[in-house]
Amino acid sequence: MKQSVLLFFLLTYVAFSSVKAQMRTISGVVYDISGRMPIEAVMVYTKYSRTQTDSLGRYLITIQAKDSLTFSLFGKNTQKFSLDQVEDPSNFNIMIHVTGFDLPEVRV
């Protein structure tokens, strides 16, 4: 009886640790093209999870081993990275080109 309970817990632990090993946490900062200004409200998502950058451009997301990481600004996909492209998961900083718009002159 004790052996079967021990075997059950051992198999449960092995199954849980193999699933946990397939997940990676990635964090970093999203900057503008100059690399100086962090960008707020950039959507960072994978197939199964999503998050958004804070006011300092920081994000933290958990990604599966075969999944890819996509950064989206203003509803448009901007950059997509596979997990193989991430060299340092604790400091994966990227730069996004943000286009500005010139508004016509208004006189009052």
N, C-alpha and C. Protein backbone atom coordinates (compact mmCIF):
# COMPACT_ATOMS: atom_id res chain seq x y z
N MET A 1 0.83 -1.19 0.00
CA MET A 1 0.00 0.00 0.00
C MET A 1 0.87 1.26 0.00
N LYS A 2 1.88 1.27 0.87
CA LYS A 2 2.75 2.44 0.94
C LYS A 2 3.55 2.62 -0.35
N GLN A 3 3.91 1.50 -0.97
CA GLN A 3 4.67 1.59 -2.21
C GLN A 3 3.83 2.18 -3.33
N SER A 4 2.57 1.84 -3.40
CA SER A 4 1.70 2.38 -4.46
C SER A 4 1.46 3.87 -4.25
N VAL A 5 1.31 4.30 -3.00
CA VAL A 5 1.14 5.73 -2.71
C VAL A 5 2.41 6.49 -3.05
N LEU A 6 3.54 5.92 -2.69
CA LEU A 6 4.82 6.55 -3.00
C LEU A 6 5.04 6.63 -4.51
N LEU A 7 4.69 5.57 -5.22
CA LEU A 7 4.81 5.56 -6.68
C LEU A 7 3.89 6.61 -7.31
N PHE A 8 2.68 6.75 -6.78
CA PHE A 8 1.75 7.76 -7.29
C PHE A 8 2.33 9.17 -7.13
N PHE A 9 2.85 9.49 -5.94
CA PHE A 9 3.42 10.81 -5.72
C PHE A 9 4.67 11.05 -6.56
N LEU A 10 5.46 10.03 -6.76
CA LEU A 10 6.65 10.15 -7.59
C LEU A 10 6.29 10.43 -9.04
N LEU A 11 5.31 9.71 -9.57
CA LEU A 11 4.86 9.94 -10.96
C LEU A 11 4.22 11.31 -11.12
N THR A 12 3.46 11.74 -10.12
CA THR A 12 2.84 13.08 -10.16
C THR A 12 3.92 14.15 -10.17
N TYR A 13 4.93 14.00 -9.36
CA TYR A 13 6.04 14.97 -9.31
C TYR A 13 6.78 15.03 -10.64
N VAL A 14 7.06 13.88 -11.23
CA VAL A 14 7.77 13.84 -12.51
C VAL A 14 6.94 14.50 -13.61
N ALA A 15 5.64 14.23 -13.63
CA ALA A 15 4.77 14.83 -14.64
C ALA A 15 4.70 16.34 -14.47
N PHE A 16 4.57 16.80 -13.23
CA PHE A 16 4.48 18.24 -12.97
C PHE A 16 5.79 18.94 -13.32
N SER A 17 6.91 18.34 -12.97
CA SER A 17 8.20 18.99 -13.25
C SER A 17 8.49 19.03 -14.74
N SER A 18 8.04 18.05 -15.52
CA SER A 18 8.26 18.09 -16.97
C SER A 18 7.41 19.17 -17.61
N VAL A 19 6.18 19.38 -17.14
CA VAL A 19 5.34 20.46 -17.65
C VAL A 19 5.93 21.80 -17.27
N LYS A 20 6.40 21.93 -16.05
CA LYS A 20 6.99 23.17 -15.57
C LYS A 20 8.27 23.50 -16.35
N ALA A 21 9.03 22.51 -16.74
CA ALA A 21 10.28 22.73 -17.47
C ALA A 21 10.02 23.27 -18.87
N GLN A 22 8.83 23.04 -19.40
CA GLN A 22 8.51 23.51 -20.73
C GLN A 22 8.10 24.99 -20.73
N MET A 23 7.86 25.58 -19.59
CA MET A 23 7.46 26.97 -19.48
C MET A 23 8.67 27.83 -19.12
N ARG A 24 8.77 29.01 -19.73
CA ARG A 24 9.85 29.97 -19.43
C ARG A 24 9.23 31.32 -19.17
N THR A 25 9.77 32.05 -18.23
CA THR A 25 9.33 33.40 -17.94
C THR A 25 10.29 34.37 -18.61
N ILE A 26 9.74 35.30 -19.37
CA ILE A 26 10.54 36.29 -20.08
C ILE A 26 10.12 37.68 -19.61
N SER A 27 11.10 38.53 -19.37
CA SER A 27 10.81 39.90 -18.95
C SER A 27 11.79 40.84 -19.64
N GLY A 28 11.42 42.10 -19.69
CA GLY A 28 12.28 43.10 -20.31
C GLY A 28 11.57 44.43 -20.41
N VAL A 29 12.10 45.29 -21.26
CA VAL A 29 11.56 46.63 -21.47
C VAL A 29 11.41 46.86 -22.96
N VAL A 30 10.33 47.52 -23.35
CA VAL A 30 10.10 47.90 -24.74
C VAL A 30 10.42 49.39 -24.87
N TYR A 31 11.36 49.71 -25.77
CA TYR A 31 11.79 51.09 -26.00
C TYR A 31 11.37 51.56 -27.38
N ASP A 32 11.42 52.89 -27.57
CA ASP A 32 11.24 53.42 -28.93
C ASP A 32 12.51 53.14 -29.73
N ILE A 33 12.54 53.54 -30.98
CA ILE A 33 13.64 53.20 -31.88
C ILE A 33 14.97 53.80 -31.41
N SER A 34 14.94 54.87 -30.63
CA SER A 34 16.19 55.47 -30.13
C SER A 34 16.78 54.65 -28.99
N GLY A 35 15.98 53.82 -28.35
CA GLY A 35 16.45 53.02 -27.23
C GLY A 35 16.50 53.78 -25.92
N ARG A 36 15.92 54.98 -25.87
CA ARG A 36 15.96 55.80 -24.66
C ARG A 36 14.62 55.94 -23.97
N MET A 37 13.54 55.96 -24.74
CA MET A 37 12.20 56.19 -24.17
C MET A 37 11.42 54.88 -24.09
N PRO A 38 11.03 54.45 -22.87
CA PRO A 38 10.19 53.26 -22.78
C PRO A 38 8.80 53.54 -23.32
N ILE A 39 8.17 52.51 -23.88
CA ILE A 39 6.84 52.67 -24.46
C ILE A 39 5.82 51.97 -23.57
N GLU A 40 4.80 52.70 -23.20
CA GLU A 40 3.72 52.19 -22.36
C GLU A 40 2.64 51.56 -23.22
N ALA A 41 1.92 50.59 -22.68
CA ALA A 41 0.73 49.97 -23.28
C ALA A 41 1.02 49.19 -24.56
N VAL A 42 2.18 48.57 -24.66
CA VAL A 42 2.46 47.66 -25.78
C VAL A 42 1.94 46.29 -25.37
N MET A 43 1.14 45.67 -26.24
CA MET A 43 0.63 44.33 -25.97
C MET A 43 1.73 43.32 -26.25
N VAL A 44 1.97 42.44 -25.29
CA VAL A 44 2.95 41.37 -25.43
C VAL A 44 2.16 40.07 -25.24
N TYR A 45 2.16 39.22 -26.26
CA TYR A 45 1.34 38.02 -26.13
C TYR A 45 1.94 36.81 -26.83
N THR A 46 1.46 35.66 -26.39
CA THR A 46 1.79 34.37 -26.97
C THR A 46 0.46 33.74 -27.37
N LYS A 47 0.52 32.48 -27.76
CA LYS A 47 -0.70 31.78 -28.14
C LYS A 47 -1.64 31.60 -26.94
N TYR A 48 -1.07 31.46 -25.74
CA TYR A 48 -1.88 31.13 -24.56
C TYR A 48 -1.95 32.21 -23.50
N SER A 49 -1.14 33.25 -23.57
CA SER A 49 -1.18 34.30 -22.55
C SER A 49 -0.86 35.65 -23.17
N ARG A 50 -1.23 36.70 -22.43
CA ARG A 50 -0.94 38.05 -22.89
C ARG A 50 -0.76 38.98 -21.70
N THR A 51 0.00 40.03 -21.94
CA THR A 51 0.22 41.05 -20.92
C THR A 51 0.43 42.39 -21.63
N GLN A 52 0.66 43.42 -20.87
CA GLN A 52 0.85 44.76 -21.42
C GLN A 52 1.98 45.44 -20.68
N THR A 53 2.74 46.28 -21.37
CA THR A 53 3.83 46.98 -20.70
C THR A 53 3.26 48.03 -19.75
N ASP A 54 3.98 48.26 -18.66
CA ASP A 54 3.55 49.26 -17.69
C ASP A 54 4.03 50.65 -18.11
N SER A 55 3.92 51.62 -17.22
CA SER A 55 4.29 53.00 -17.56
C SER A 55 5.79 53.17 -17.81
N LEU A 56 6.61 52.21 -17.37
CA LEU A 56 8.05 52.25 -17.60
C LEU A 56 8.46 51.32 -18.74
N GLY A 57 7.49 50.79 -19.47
CA GLY A 57 7.77 49.92 -20.61
C GLY A 57 8.13 48.49 -20.24
N ARG A 58 8.00 48.12 -18.97
CA ARG A 58 8.38 46.77 -18.51
C ARG A 58 7.25 45.77 -18.74
N TYR A 59 7.65 44.52 -18.99
CA TYR A 59 6.69 43.43 -19.14
C TYR A 59 7.24 42.16 -18.52
N LEU A 60 6.36 41.23 -18.21
CA LEU A 60 6.71 39.91 -17.68
C LEU A 60 5.67 38.94 -18.19
N ILE A 61 6.11 37.86 -18.86
CA ILE A 61 5.17 36.91 -19.45
C ILE A 61 5.78 35.51 -19.39
N THR A 62 4.91 34.51 -19.27
CA THR A 62 5.33 33.12 -19.28
C THR A 62 5.02 32.54 -20.66
N ILE A 63 5.99 31.83 -21.23
CA ILE A 63 5.88 31.34 -22.60
C ILE A 63 6.22 29.85 -22.62
N GLN A 64 5.52 29.09 -23.47
CA GLN A 64 5.82 27.66 -23.62
C GLN A 64 7.02 27.50 -24.55
N ALA A 65 7.63 26.33 -24.50
CA ALA A 65 8.88 26.08 -25.22
C ALA A 65 8.77 26.27 -26.72
N LYS A 66 7.70 25.87 -27.34
CA LYS A 66 7.56 25.95 -28.80
C LYS A 66 6.79 27.19 -29.25
N ASP A 67 6.41 28.05 -28.34
CA ASP A 67 5.61 29.23 -28.67
C ASP A 67 6.49 30.40 -29.09
N SER A 68 5.86 31.44 -29.59
CA SER A 68 6.59 32.66 -29.96
C SER A 68 6.00 33.84 -29.23
N LEU A 69 6.76 34.90 -29.15
CA LEU A 69 6.41 36.11 -28.42
C LEU A 69 6.15 37.22 -29.44
N THR A 70 4.98 37.87 -29.34
CA THR A 70 4.61 38.92 -30.29
C THR A 70 4.40 40.23 -29.54
N PHE A 71 4.92 41.30 -30.11
CA PHE A 71 4.75 42.64 -29.56
C PHE A 71 3.84 43.41 -30.51
N SER A 72 2.82 44.04 -29.97
CA SER A 72 1.85 44.75 -30.80
C SER A 72 1.64 46.15 -30.23
N LEU A 73 1.71 47.13 -31.11
CA LEU A 73 1.51 48.52 -30.71
C LEU A 73 0.41 49.12 -31.56
N PHE A 74 -0.56 49.74 -30.93
CA PHE A 74 -1.72 50.34 -31.61
C PHE A 74 -2.49 49.32 -32.44
N GLY A 75 -2.56 48.07 -31.94
CA GLY A 75 -3.34 47.05 -32.61
C GLY A 75 -2.69 46.42 -33.82
N LYS A 76 -1.46 46.80 -34.13
CA LYS A 76 -0.76 46.23 -35.28
C LYS A 76 0.40 45.38 -34.79
N ASN A 77 0.54 44.17 -35.34
CA ASN A 77 1.67 43.33 -34.97
C ASN A 77 2.95 44.01 -35.45
N THR A 78 3.88 44.16 -34.54
CA THR A 78 5.11 44.85 -34.91
C THR A 78 6.29 43.90 -35.01
N GLN A 79 6.48 43.05 -34.02
CA GLN A 79 7.61 42.13 -34.05
C GLN A 79 7.21 40.82 -33.40
N LYS A 80 7.76 39.72 -33.94
CA LYS A 80 7.48 38.38 -33.42
C LYS A 80 8.81 37.65 -33.23
N PHE A 81 8.99 37.02 -32.06
CA PHE A 81 10.23 36.34 -31.72
C PHE A 81 9.91 34.93 -31.24
N SER A 82 10.67 33.95 -31.71
CA SER A 82 10.55 32.60 -31.16
C SER A 82 11.41 32.53 -29.91
N LEU A 83 11.19 31.52 -29.11
CA LEU A 83 11.95 31.39 -27.87
C LEU A 83 13.44 31.19 -28.15
N ASP A 84 13.78 30.64 -29.32
CA ASP A 84 15.19 30.45 -29.69
C ASP A 84 15.92 31.78 -29.87
N GLN A 85 15.20 32.85 -30.22
CA GLN A 85 15.81 34.15 -30.44
C GLN A 85 16.08 34.91 -29.15
N VAL A 86 15.53 34.45 -28.04
CA VAL A 86 15.68 35.13 -26.76
C VAL A 86 16.98 34.65 -26.10
N GLU A 87 17.97 35.53 -26.04
CA GLU A 87 19.26 35.16 -25.45
C GLU A 87 19.22 35.22 -23.93
N ASP A 88 18.66 36.30 -23.38
CA ASP A 88 18.60 36.47 -21.93
C ASP A 88 17.14 36.65 -21.52
N PRO A 89 16.45 35.61 -21.04
CA PRO A 89 15.03 35.70 -20.72
C PRO A 89 14.71 36.71 -19.61
N SER A 90 15.65 37.03 -18.76
CA SER A 90 15.38 37.98 -17.68
C SER A 90 15.62 39.43 -18.10
N ASN A 91 16.12 39.63 -19.31
CA ASN A 91 16.41 40.99 -19.78
C ASN A 91 16.26 41.05 -21.30
N PHE A 92 15.08 40.73 -21.81
CA PHE A 92 14.84 40.72 -23.25
C PHE A 92 14.22 42.06 -23.64
N ASN A 93 15.07 43.05 -23.90
CA ASN A 93 14.63 44.39 -24.27
C ASN A 93 14.55 44.50 -25.78
N ILE A 94 13.52 45.19 -26.27
CA ILE A 94 13.40 45.41 -27.71
C ILE A 94 13.11 46.87 -27.98
N MET A 95 13.30 47.26 -29.24
CA MET A 95 12.99 48.62 -29.68
C MET A 95 11.97 48.55 -30.79
N ILE A 96 10.98 49.44 -30.73
CA ILE A 96 9.91 49.49 -31.72
C ILE A 96 9.91 50.87 -32.35
N HIS A 97 9.78 50.88 -33.68
CA HIS A 97 9.69 52.15 -34.40
C HIS A 97 8.26 52.68 -34.28
N VAL A 98 8.11 53.84 -33.65
CA VAL A 98 6.81 54.47 -33.48
C VAL A 98 6.73 55.61 -34.47
N THR A 99 5.76 55.56 -35.38
CA THR A 99 5.61 56.63 -36.36
C THR A 99 4.77 57.76 -35.77
N GLY A 100 5.20 58.96 -35.99
CA GLY A 100 4.45 60.11 -35.55
C GLY A 100 3.62 60.68 -36.69
N PHE A 101 2.62 61.41 -36.34
CA PHE A 101 1.75 62.02 -37.34
C PHE A 101 1.81 63.54 -37.21
N ASP A 102 1.95 64.23 -38.33
CA ASP A 102 1.89 65.68 -38.33
C ASP A 102 0.45 66.10 -38.58
N LEU A 103 -0.07 66.88 -37.66
CA LEU A 103 -1.44 67.36 -37.82
C LEU A 103 -1.41 68.69 -38.55
N PRO A 104 -2.45 68.96 -39.31
CA PRO A 104 -2.48 70.25 -40.01
C PRO A 104 -2.63 71.41 -39.01
N GLU A 105 -2.18 72.54 -39.44
CA GLU A 105 -2.25 73.73 -38.59
C GLU A 105 -3.70 74.12 -38.38
N VAL A 106 -4.02 74.52 -37.14
CA VAL A 106 -5.37 74.97 -36.79
C VAL A 106 -5.28 76.38 -36.29
N ARG A 107 -6.09 77.27 -36.85
CA ARG A 107 -6.13 78.67 -36.40
C ARG A 107 -7.48 78.96 -35.77
N VAL A 108 -7.41 79.69 -34.66
CA VAL A 108 -8.66 80.04 -33.95
C VAL A 108 -8.85 81.53 -34.00
